[in-house]
Amino acid sequence: MTRQSSVLLISLYMICQAYLCNTLNVTQSPTRLTVKEGDRAIVTCSWNALPPVTQIRVRWKLYNIISAERNNETTLASVLWEEKGTVIISPRSPNKHDYILTKDKAEIHINSTRKRDEGMYVCEINIEIPILQRGQGNGTILNVCQAGKVFSKIYLSLISLVVIPVMIGMYCLYKIRKRRKELFLDHIYSNERVRSKSKE
């Protein structure tokens, strides 16, 4: 192998590492999540990195999807995982979120959700050592409903599934009984006609 071909191969390898091969395929689930106020919400990101991975950093971001501002992101935390099992969260979470991170999966647990927790949660993955690899989840939209609103949706569903068929059944029974009564009265009336004619 000549010196020029060696330099070319090394250059191609470096370009691949710098631009092409550093994209990490990240799967984020669920895409939509609706919980009632006070419940826990869990968002998960997973990826397949080139081994051996010794250091991963995950940034959890929240985007306010109602806001018209372009820069409406809030970085909730940066979580660092090291091969020896160390997990470091910065800033140390003053919020009510728990973060779980392993070498191929990250989770954010939003405890006791409130309306202000609504938005799109996105995970950004940076594998820093041994080879820089980056990826980002597609986002999870979190909707938080008031407990009464969730109950009213359930109540409306029950009405449509139970009450309406019962009312239709009662209406059908009413029509059947009314028709039977009409037939019975017609029968009695026709019998009395026959009797009165026979008496004449």
Protein backbone atom coordinates (compact mmCIF):
# COMPACT_ATOMS: atom_id res chain seq x y z
CA MET A 1 0.00 0.00 0.00
CA THR A 2 1.39 3.36 -0.96
CA ARG A 3 1.69 6.35 1.27
CA GLN A 4 -0.95 8.22 -0.74
CA SER A 5 -3.53 5.45 -0.39
CA SER A 6 -2.84 5.25 3.37
CA VAL A 7 -3.35 8.99 3.73
CA LEU A 8 -6.53 8.75 1.66
CA LEU A 9 -7.92 5.93 3.83
CA ILE A 10 -7.10 7.77 7.04
CA SER A 11 -8.69 10.94 5.64
CA LEU A 12 -11.84 9.05 4.67
CA TYR A 13 -11.99 7.47 8.12
CA MET A 14 -11.68 10.89 9.81
CA ILE A 15 -14.34 12.41 7.55
CA CYS A 16 -16.63 9.50 8.31
CA GLN A 17 -16.07 9.91 12.05
CA ALA A 18 -16.53 13.66 11.93
CA TYR A 19 -19.55 13.95 9.64
CA LEU A 20 -21.20 10.71 8.62
CA CYS A 21 -20.74 8.05 11.26
CA ASN A 22 -21.40 10.23 14.28
CA THR A 23 -25.19 10.17 13.91
CA LEU A 24 -26.85 8.06 16.55
CA ASN A 25 -30.27 6.53 15.91
CA VAL A 26 -32.45 7.45 18.92
CA THR A 27 -35.92 6.05 19.58
CA GLN A 28 -38.16 8.06 21.90
CA SER A 29 -41.46 6.77 23.24
CA PRO A 30 -44.30 7.41 23.55
CA THR A 31 -44.92 10.10 20.93
CA ARG A 32 -47.97 11.40 22.84
CA LEU A 33 -48.81 11.00 26.49
CA THR A 34 -51.92 12.20 28.31
CA VAL A 35 -52.10 11.96 32.09
CA LYS A 36 -54.38 13.45 34.67
CA GLU A 37 -53.04 16.05 37.03
CA GLY A 38 -51.09 14.51 39.91
CA ASP A 39 -50.18 11.31 38.04
CA ARG A 40 -46.68 10.27 36.97
CA ALA A 41 -45.50 10.52 33.36
CA ILE A 42 -42.54 8.52 31.99
CA VAL A 43 -40.68 9.27 28.75
CA THR A 44 -38.06 6.83 27.44
CA CYS A 45 -35.20 7.19 24.94
CA SER A 46 -33.13 4.26 23.70
CA TRP A 47 -30.27 3.87 21.23
CA ASN A 48 -27.71 1.42 19.87
CA ALA A 49 -24.20 2.80 20.17
CA LEU A 50 -20.99 1.43 18.78
CA PRO A 51 -19.25 -0.46 21.62
CA PRO A 52 -17.39 -0.01 23.83
CA VAL A 53 -19.19 3.02 25.28
CA THR A 54 -17.54 4.54 28.33
CA GLN A 55 -19.31 7.91 28.70
CA ILE A 56 -22.77 9.16 27.68
CA ARG A 57 -24.42 12.52 28.30
CA VAL A 58 -28.19 12.95 27.98
CA ARG A 59 -29.84 16.35 27.96
CA TRP A 60 -33.57 16.49 28.60
CA LYS A 61 -35.25 19.54 27.09
CA LEU A 62 -38.79 20.84 27.36
CA TYR A 63 -40.34 22.90 24.56
CA ASN A 64 -43.47 24.92 25.23
CA ILE A 65 -45.57 23.99 22.19
CA ILE A 66 -48.19 26.70 22.84
CA SER A 67 -45.67 29.54 22.93
CA ALA A 68 -45.09 31.49 19.71
CA GLU A 69 -41.49 32.26 20.70
CA ARG A 70 -38.78 30.58 18.64
CA ASN A 71 -36.42 29.94 21.57
CA ASN A 72 -38.83 28.45 24.05
CA GLU A 73 -36.73 25.51 25.17
CA THR A 74 -35.84 24.79 28.76
CA THR A 75 -32.99 22.41 29.57
CA LEU A 76 -34.28 20.36 32.48
CA ALA A 77 -31.06 18.48 33.21
CA SER A 78 -27.88 17.06 31.82
CA VAL A 79 -27.31 13.49 32.96
CA LEU A 80 -23.86 11.90 32.63
CA TRP A 81 -23.30 8.13 32.67
CA GLU A 82 -19.84 6.61 33.02
CA GLU A 83 -18.83 3.01 32.43
CA LYS A 84 -18.06 2.43 36.10
CA GLY A 85 -21.75 3.01 36.84
CA THR A 86 -21.57 6.60 38.00
CA VAL A 87 -24.53 8.84 37.13
CA ILE A 88 -24.17 12.59 37.60
CA ILE A 89 -27.11 14.97 37.20
CA SER A 90 -26.53 18.69 36.71
CA PRO A 91 -27.97 20.93 37.78
CA ARG A 92 -28.97 18.79 40.71
CA SER A 93 -32.67 18.45 40.03
CA PRO A 94 -34.64 20.96 42.13
CA ASN A 95 -37.73 19.96 40.16
CA LYS A 96 -39.84 16.88 40.76
CA HIS A 97 -38.24 14.83 37.98
CA ASP A 98 -36.29 11.60 38.36
CA TYR A 99 -33.70 10.61 35.76
CA ILE A 100 -32.60 7.07 34.97
CA LEU A 101 -29.67 6.44 32.63
CA THR A 102 -27.90 3.28 31.47
CA LYS A 103 -25.55 2.72 28.52
CA ASP A 104 -28.46 2.26 26.08
CA LYS A 105 -31.53 3.83 27.67
CA ALA A 106 -32.60 7.05 29.41
CA GLU A 107 -35.84 7.85 31.22
CA ILE A 108 -37.35 10.95 32.73
CA HIS A 109 -40.03 10.43 35.37
CA ILE A 110 -42.22 13.48 35.87
CA ASN A 111 -43.74 12.96 39.29
CA SER A 112 -47.03 14.54 40.34
CA THR A 113 -47.68 16.24 36.99
CA ARG A 114 -49.18 19.73 36.79
CA LYS A 115 -50.51 21.78 33.89
CA ARG A 116 -47.18 23.66 33.71
CA ASP A 117 -45.43 20.36 32.85
CA GLU A 118 -47.16 20.25 29.45
CA GLY A 119 -45.04 20.51 26.33
CA MET A 120 -42.71 18.48 24.14
CA TYR A 121 -39.95 16.56 25.92
CA VAL A 122 -36.88 15.80 23.82
CA CYS A 123 -33.77 13.81 24.72
CA GLU A 124 -30.40 14.67 23.19
CA ILE A 125 -27.80 11.92 23.38
CA ASN A 126 -24.05 12.56 23.19
CA ILE A 127 -21.71 9.61 23.42
CA GLU A 128 -18.47 11.34 24.27
CA ILE A 129 -15.98 8.52 24.79
CA PRO A 130 -14.52 6.66 22.86
CA ILE A 131 -16.08 8.06 19.62
CA LEU A 132 -18.27 11.13 19.49
CA GLN A 133 -21.79 10.09 18.44
CA ARG A 134 -24.88 12.29 18.63
CA GLY A 135 -28.60 11.80 18.26
CA GLN A 136 -31.90 13.24 19.31
CA GLY A 137 -35.34 11.77 19.97
CA ASN A 138 -38.38 12.86 17.97
CA GLY A 139 -40.07 14.23 21.06
CA THR A 140 -42.94 13.28 23.35
CA ILE A 141 -45.90 15.61 23.69
CA LEU A 142 -47.23 15.59 27.24
CA ASN A 143 -50.81 16.71 27.90
CA VAL A 144 -51.97 17.09 31.49
CA CYS A 145 -55.74 17.01 32.07
CA GLN A 146 -57.50 18.14 35.19
CA ALA A 147 -58.89 15.20 37.12
CA GLY A 148 -62.48 16.39 36.55
CA LYS A 149 -61.99 16.65 32.80
CA VAL A 150 -60.67 13.11 32.58
CA PHE A 151 -63.64 11.97 34.66
CA SER A 152 -66.08 13.85 32.40
CA LYS A 153 -64.59 12.15 29.31
CA ILE A 154 -65.03 8.77 31.00
CA TYR A 155 -68.56 9.75 32.03
CA LEU A 156 -69.45 10.76 28.46
CA SER A 157 -68.03 7.48 27.18
CA LEU A 158 -70.15 5.55 29.67
CA ILE A 159 -73.23 7.47 28.59
CA SER A 160 -72.63 6.66 24.97
CA LEU A 161 -71.84 3.00 25.67
CA VAL A 162 -74.51 2.23 28.30
CA VAL A 163 -77.26 4.80 28.64
CA ILE A 164 -78.00 5.35 24.96
CA PRO A 165 -78.44 1.61 24.14
CA VAL A 166 -80.65 1.23 27.24
CA MET A 167 -82.81 4.16 26.13
CA ILE A 168 -83.13 2.70 22.62
CA GLY A 169 -84.12 -0.65 24.12
CA MET A 170 -86.74 0.98 26.35
CA TYR A 171 -88.16 2.88 23.37
CA CYS A 172 -88.42 -0.36 21.38
CA LEU A 173 -90.20 -2.08 24.31
CA TYR A 174 -92.59 0.86 24.56
CA LYS A 175 -93.43 0.60 20.84
CA ILE A 176 -93.91 -3.18 21.09
CA ARG A 177 -96.24 -2.86 24.10
CA LYS A 178 -98.17 -0.05 22.45
CA ARG A 179 -98.64 -2.15 19.32
CA ARG A 180 -99.73 -5.18 21.39
CA LYS A 181 -102.23 -3.02 23.24
CA GLU A 182 -103.61 -1.71 19.95
CA LEU A 183 -103.90 -5.25 18.61
CA PHE A 184 -105.58 -6.39 21.84
CA LEU A 185 -108.08 -3.52 21.72
CA ASP A 186 -108.76 -4.19 18.04
CA HIS A 187 -109.37 -7.84 18.88
CA ILE A 188 -111.75 -6.97 21.74
CA TYR A 189 -113.54 -4.40 19.61
CA SER A 190 -113.95 -6.84 16.72
CA ASN A 191 -115.21 -9.55 19.15
CA GLU A 192 -117.82 -7.17 20.55
CA ARG A 193 -118.93 -6.32 17.04
CA VAL A 194 -119.34 -9.97 16.23
CA ARG A 195 -121.38 -10.51 19.44
CA SER A 196 -123.59 -7.56 18.80
CA LYS A 197 -124.29 -8.72 15.25
CA SER A 198 -125.04 -12.23 16.47
CA LYS A 199 -127.54 -10.86 19.00
CA GLU A 200 -129.42 -9.05 16.30
